[in-house]
Amino acid sequence: MHDADSSASARAYRSIRDAILDGSYPPGDMLGESSLAASLEMSRTPVRAALARLQDEGWIVIYPKRGAVVQGLSERTIVDLDDARLILESTAVGRAPQLLRERLADRLKESVDAQRAAFRRGDVREFVELTMRFHRGFVEAGGNSVLLELYDRLADRQRFVLFDAGDRLLDRCAEIIQEHLALTDLLRAGDAIGFSAALRTHISEVTNPARPVHEFDGVTTFPPLT
């Protein structure tokens, strides 16, 4: 593939992926090469390459000569995502050194202020991006690049779940802000056990309120380093 085609394919991939993640192309939508190429103002070749990549990642299923059907995330996948986030965030906080915890807690307090402002504007997109960076901060606190790399691999699925919960996020805005403040305080205090328990409830309420919190009970986090 020529460089121009490769660049166009990357642009098509980002545009289509972002539209899937934010719900502009909801699960069940049929995407056609021709219509996508027209909307993106490019040829069908880079669109075809972008769709192949998205199928490899599980976001669509391509049906030859018909188009591509957008896939959502199964309930099982969402449960697994919640468990993975709980493990990674709790483990990192449990191993975070005091100085880094305190510095990060100050930064996260500022993030909560920005989240509150986004809620006031009803800006779900801005809140989703802010809350993802907020929770990523807990993994940063551990200072473990491998944990952070693993967490970043979950980003697209986490973004999809948060956008899907958009109306619920706005309905729970006051509670979410208080939960984020509580998590920040627990991080600052170095209370790994309290943090893990609070995070367990928070994740369940935000992404899957119908799921009983006790379903997390099988998840075990690593103890802090001593």
Protein backbone atom coordinates (compact mmCIF):
# COMPACT_ATOMS: atom_id res chain seq x y z
CA MET A 1 0.00 0.00 0.00
CA HIS A 2 1.36 3.43 -0.98
CA ASP A 3 2.03 5.98 1.77
CA ALA A 4 -0.96 8.08 0.67
CA ASP A 5 -3.21 5.04 0.81
CA SER A 6 -1.78 4.05 4.18
CA SER A 7 -2.42 7.53 5.56
CA ALA A 8 -5.97 7.54 4.20
CA SER A 9 -6.58 4.10 5.66
CA ALA A 10 -5.41 5.29 9.08
CA ARG A 11 -7.74 8.30 8.88
CA ALA A 12 -10.64 6.10 7.82
CA TYR A 13 -9.91 3.67 10.64
CA ARG A 14 -9.85 6.39 13.28
CA SER A 15 -13.00 8.04 11.97
CA ILE A 16 -15.05 4.83 11.73
CA ARG A 17 -13.73 3.47 15.03
CA ASP A 18 -14.50 6.70 16.88
CA ALA A 19 -18.04 6.72 15.46
CA ILE A 20 -18.54 3.15 16.69
CA LEU A 21 -17.16 3.93 20.14
CA ASP A 22 -19.26 7.05 20.69
CA GLY A 23 -22.45 5.40 19.45
CA SER A 24 -22.79 7.31 16.17
CA TYR A 25 -22.69 3.88 14.52
CA PRO A 26 -24.59 1.75 17.08
CA PRO A 27 -24.50 -2.06 17.22
CA GLY A 28 -26.53 -3.53 14.37
CA ASP A 29 -25.83 -0.71 11.92
CA MET A 30 -24.81 -1.80 8.42
CA LEU A 31 -21.85 0.15 7.07
CA GLY A 32 -21.23 0.23 3.33
CA GLU A 33 -17.88 0.88 1.69
CA SER A 34 -19.32 3.31 -0.84
CA SER A 35 -21.24 5.43 1.65
CA LEU A 36 -18.31 5.52 4.06
CA ALA A 37 -15.92 6.49 1.27
CA ALA A 38 -18.26 9.29 0.18
CA SER A 39 -18.68 10.64 3.72
CA LEU A 40 -14.93 10.51 4.34
CA GLU A 41 -14.15 11.95 0.89
CA MET A 42 -11.74 9.19 -0.10
CA SER A 43 -11.64 6.13 -2.31
CA ARG A 44 -13.00 2.76 -1.28
CA THR A 45 -9.55 1.14 -1.04
CA PRO A 46 -8.46 2.77 2.27
CA VAL A 47 -11.99 2.30 3.65
CA ARG A 48 -11.79 -1.40 2.83
CA ALA A 49 -8.45 -1.66 4.64
CA ALA A 50 -9.88 0.21 7.66
CA LEU A 51 -12.88 -2.12 7.82
CA ALA A 52 -10.62 -5.17 7.69
CA ARG A 53 -8.66 -3.82 10.66
CA LEU A 54 -11.85 -3.09 12.61
CA GLN A 55 -13.07 -6.63 11.93
CA ASP A 56 -9.78 -8.02 13.25
CA GLU A 57 -10.40 -6.02 16.44
CA GLY A 58 -13.94 -7.36 16.78
CA TRP A 59 -15.83 -4.10 16.24
CA ILE A 60 -17.54 -5.17 13.00
CA VAL A 61 -18.34 -8.26 10.96
CA ILE A 62 -17.87 -7.93 7.20
CA TYR A 63 -20.35 -9.60 4.86
CA PRO A 64 -18.95 -9.66 1.29
CA LYS A 65 -20.93 -7.57 -1.20
CA ARG A 66 -23.29 -6.44 1.58
CA GLY A 67 -21.31 -4.34 4.02
CA ALA A 68 -20.17 -4.52 7.62
CA VAL A 69 -22.38 -4.88 10.68
CA VAL A 70 -21.34 -3.04 13.83
CA GLN A 71 -20.86 -5.25 16.87
CA GLY A 72 -21.34 -4.21 20.47
CA LEU A 73 -19.75 -5.70 23.55
CA SER A 74 -21.37 -8.72 25.11
CA GLU A 75 -22.44 -8.65 28.75
CA ARG A 76 -19.70 -11.18 29.47
CA THR A 77 -17.08 -8.94 27.88
CA ILE A 78 -18.24 -5.96 29.95
CA VAL A 79 -18.03 -8.04 33.14
CA ASP A 80 -14.53 -9.17 32.18
CA LEU A 81 -13.54 -5.58 31.43
CA ASP A 82 -14.78 -4.46 34.85
CA ASP A 83 -12.77 -7.22 36.53
CA ALA A 84 -9.61 -6.33 34.59
CA ARG A 85 -9.92 -2.65 35.49
CA LEU A 86 -10.45 -3.49 39.15
CA ILE A 87 -7.34 -5.64 39.23
CA LEU A 88 -5.10 -3.18 37.38
CA GLU A 89 -6.21 0.00 39.17
CA SER A 90 -6.28 -1.56 42.65
CA THR A 91 -2.95 -3.31 42.21
CA ALA A 92 -1.24 -0.13 41.02
CA VAL A 93 -2.63 1.95 43.90
CA GLY A 94 -1.61 -0.74 46.39
CA ARG A 95 1.98 -0.46 45.18
CA ALA A 96 2.19 3.32 44.75
CA PRO A 97 4.89 5.14 46.75
CA GLN A 98 3.68 7.91 49.04
CA LEU A 99 5.19 10.85 47.16
CA LEU A 100 3.70 9.75 43.86
CA ARG A 101 0.33 9.10 45.49
CA GLU A 102 0.21 12.61 46.91
CA ARG A 103 1.27 14.30 43.68
CA LEU A 104 -1.25 12.32 41.68
CA ALA A 105 -4.05 12.98 44.17
CA ASP A 106 -3.54 16.72 43.67
CA ARG A 107 -3.79 16.28 39.91
CA LEU A 108 -6.88 14.11 40.17
CA LYS A 109 -8.63 16.70 42.36
CA GLU A 110 -8.20 19.15 39.45
CA SER A 111 -9.62 16.53 37.09
CA VAL A 112 -12.70 16.18 39.28
CA ASP A 113 -13.28 19.93 38.99
CA ALA A 114 -13.14 19.62 35.21
CA GLN A 115 -15.51 16.64 35.32
CA ARG A 116 -17.97 18.66 37.38
CA ALA A 117 -17.86 21.45 34.78
CA ALA A 118 -18.46 18.95 31.95
CA PHE A 119 -21.48 17.57 33.80
CA ARG A 120 -22.90 21.06 34.21
CA ARG A 121 -22.67 21.53 30.44
CA GLY A 122 -24.16 18.10 29.79
CA ASP A 123 -21.03 17.32 27.77
CA VAL A 124 -20.88 13.52 27.85
CA ARG A 125 -17.99 13.35 25.37
CA GLU A 126 -15.78 15.59 27.49
CA PHE A 127 -16.70 13.74 30.67
CA VAL A 128 -15.87 10.36 29.11
CA GLU A 129 -12.41 11.54 28.11
CA LEU A 130 -11.82 13.15 31.51
CA THR A 131 -12.94 10.11 33.47
CA MET A 132 -10.79 7.78 31.38
CA ARG A 133 -7.71 9.91 32.09
CA PHE A 134 -8.79 10.09 35.74
CA HIS A 135 -8.90 6.32 36.17
CA ARG A 136 -5.72 5.85 34.15
CA GLY A 137 -4.05 8.01 36.77
CA PHE A 138 -4.54 5.28 39.38
CA VAL A 139 -2.52 2.91 37.22
CA GLU A 140 0.13 5.58 36.66
CA ALA A 141 0.49 5.81 40.44
CA GLY A 142 1.96 2.33 40.57
CA GLY A 143 4.90 3.32 38.39
CA ASN A 144 4.66 0.02 36.50
CA SER A 145 4.91 0.50 32.74
CA VAL A 146 3.63 -3.00 31.98
CA LEU A 147 0.45 -2.48 34.03
CA LEU A 148 -0.05 0.82 32.22
CA GLU A 149 0.44 -0.81 28.83
CA LEU A 150 -2.13 -3.48 29.69
CA TYR A 151 -4.57 -0.82 30.89
CA ASP A 152 -4.18 1.21 27.71
CA ARG A 153 -5.16 -1.84 25.66
CA LEU A 154 -8.58 -1.69 27.33
CA ALA A 155 -9.15 1.96 26.43
CA ASP A 156 -11.38 1.52 23.38
CA ARG A 157 -13.64 -0.97 25.12
CA GLN A 158 -13.84 1.26 28.19
CA ARG A 159 -14.69 4.25 25.98
CA PHE A 160 -17.45 2.27 24.25
CA VAL A 161 -19.01 1.24 27.58
CA LEU A 162 -18.91 4.79 28.95
CA PHE A 163 -20.52 6.31 25.86
CA ASP A 164 -23.16 3.58 25.96
CA ALA A 165 -23.89 4.61 29.56
CA GLY A 166 -24.07 8.31 28.62
CA ASP A 167 -27.58 9.11 29.89
CA ARG A 168 -26.96 7.10 33.06
CA LEU A 169 -23.74 9.04 33.66
CA LEU A 170 -25.63 12.33 33.51
CA ASP A 171 -28.35 10.99 35.81
CA ARG A 172 -25.73 9.96 38.38
CA CYS A 173 -23.45 12.98 37.99
CA ALA A 174 -23.50 14.04 41.66
CA GLU A 175 -22.85 10.49 42.87
CA ILE A 176 -20.04 9.92 40.37
CA ILE A 177 -18.28 13.12 41.40
CA GLN A 178 -18.48 12.11 45.09
CA GLU A 179 -17.19 8.62 44.26
CA HIS A 180 -14.25 10.08 42.34
CA LEU A 181 -13.42 12.38 45.25
CA ALA A 182 -13.58 9.44 47.67
CA LEU A 183 -11.26 7.36 45.45
CA THR A 184 -8.82 10.27 45.29
CA ASP A 185 -8.81 10.59 49.09
CA LEU A 186 -8.22 6.86 49.49
CA LEU A 187 -5.33 7.06 47.04
CA ARG A 188 -3.77 9.93 48.99
CA ALA A 189 -4.15 8.00 52.25
CA GLY A 190 -2.61 4.85 50.81
CA ASP A 191 -5.65 2.83 51.88
CA ALA A 192 -5.36 0.04 49.30
CA ILE A 193 -8.09 -2.13 50.83
CA GLY A 194 -10.55 0.73 51.11
CA PHE A 195 -9.69 1.89 47.60
CA SER A 196 -10.33 -1.55 46.12
CA ALA A 197 -13.71 -1.83 47.87
CA ALA A 198 -14.79 1.65 46.78
CA LEU A 199 -13.60 1.08 43.22
CA ARG A 200 -15.49 -2.22 43.04
CA THR A 201 -18.76 -0.49 43.88
CA HIS A 202 -18.01 2.51 41.65
CA ILE A 203 -17.28 0.44 38.54
CA SER A 204 -20.39 -1.67 39.05
CA GLU A 205 -22.64 1.37 39.46
CA VAL A 206 -21.25 3.25 36.47
CA THR A 207 -20.91 0.57 33.81
CA ASN A 208 -23.34 -2.15 34.85
CA PRO A 209 -25.76 -1.17 37.62
CA ALA A 210 -27.79 -4.37 37.19
CA ARG A 211 -24.77 -6.46 38.15
CA PRO A 212 -24.61 -7.31 41.86
CA VAL A 213 -21.44 -5.97 43.45
CA HIS A 214 -20.77 -9.33 45.10
CA GLU A 215 -20.04 -10.80 41.66
CA PHE A 216 -16.64 -9.13 41.97
CA ASP A 217 -15.85 -11.19 45.05
CA GLY A 218 -13.73 -13.64 43.13
CA VAL A 219 -11.33 -10.90 42.04
CA THR A 220 -8.11 -10.77 44.00
CA THR A 221 -5.59 -7.94 43.85
CA PHE A 222 -1.93 -8.22 44.63
CA PRO A 223 -0.79 -7.02 48.07
CA PRO A 224 1.23 -3.82 48.36
CA LEU A 225 4.99 -4.15 48.12
CA THR A 226 6.74 -3.80 51.46
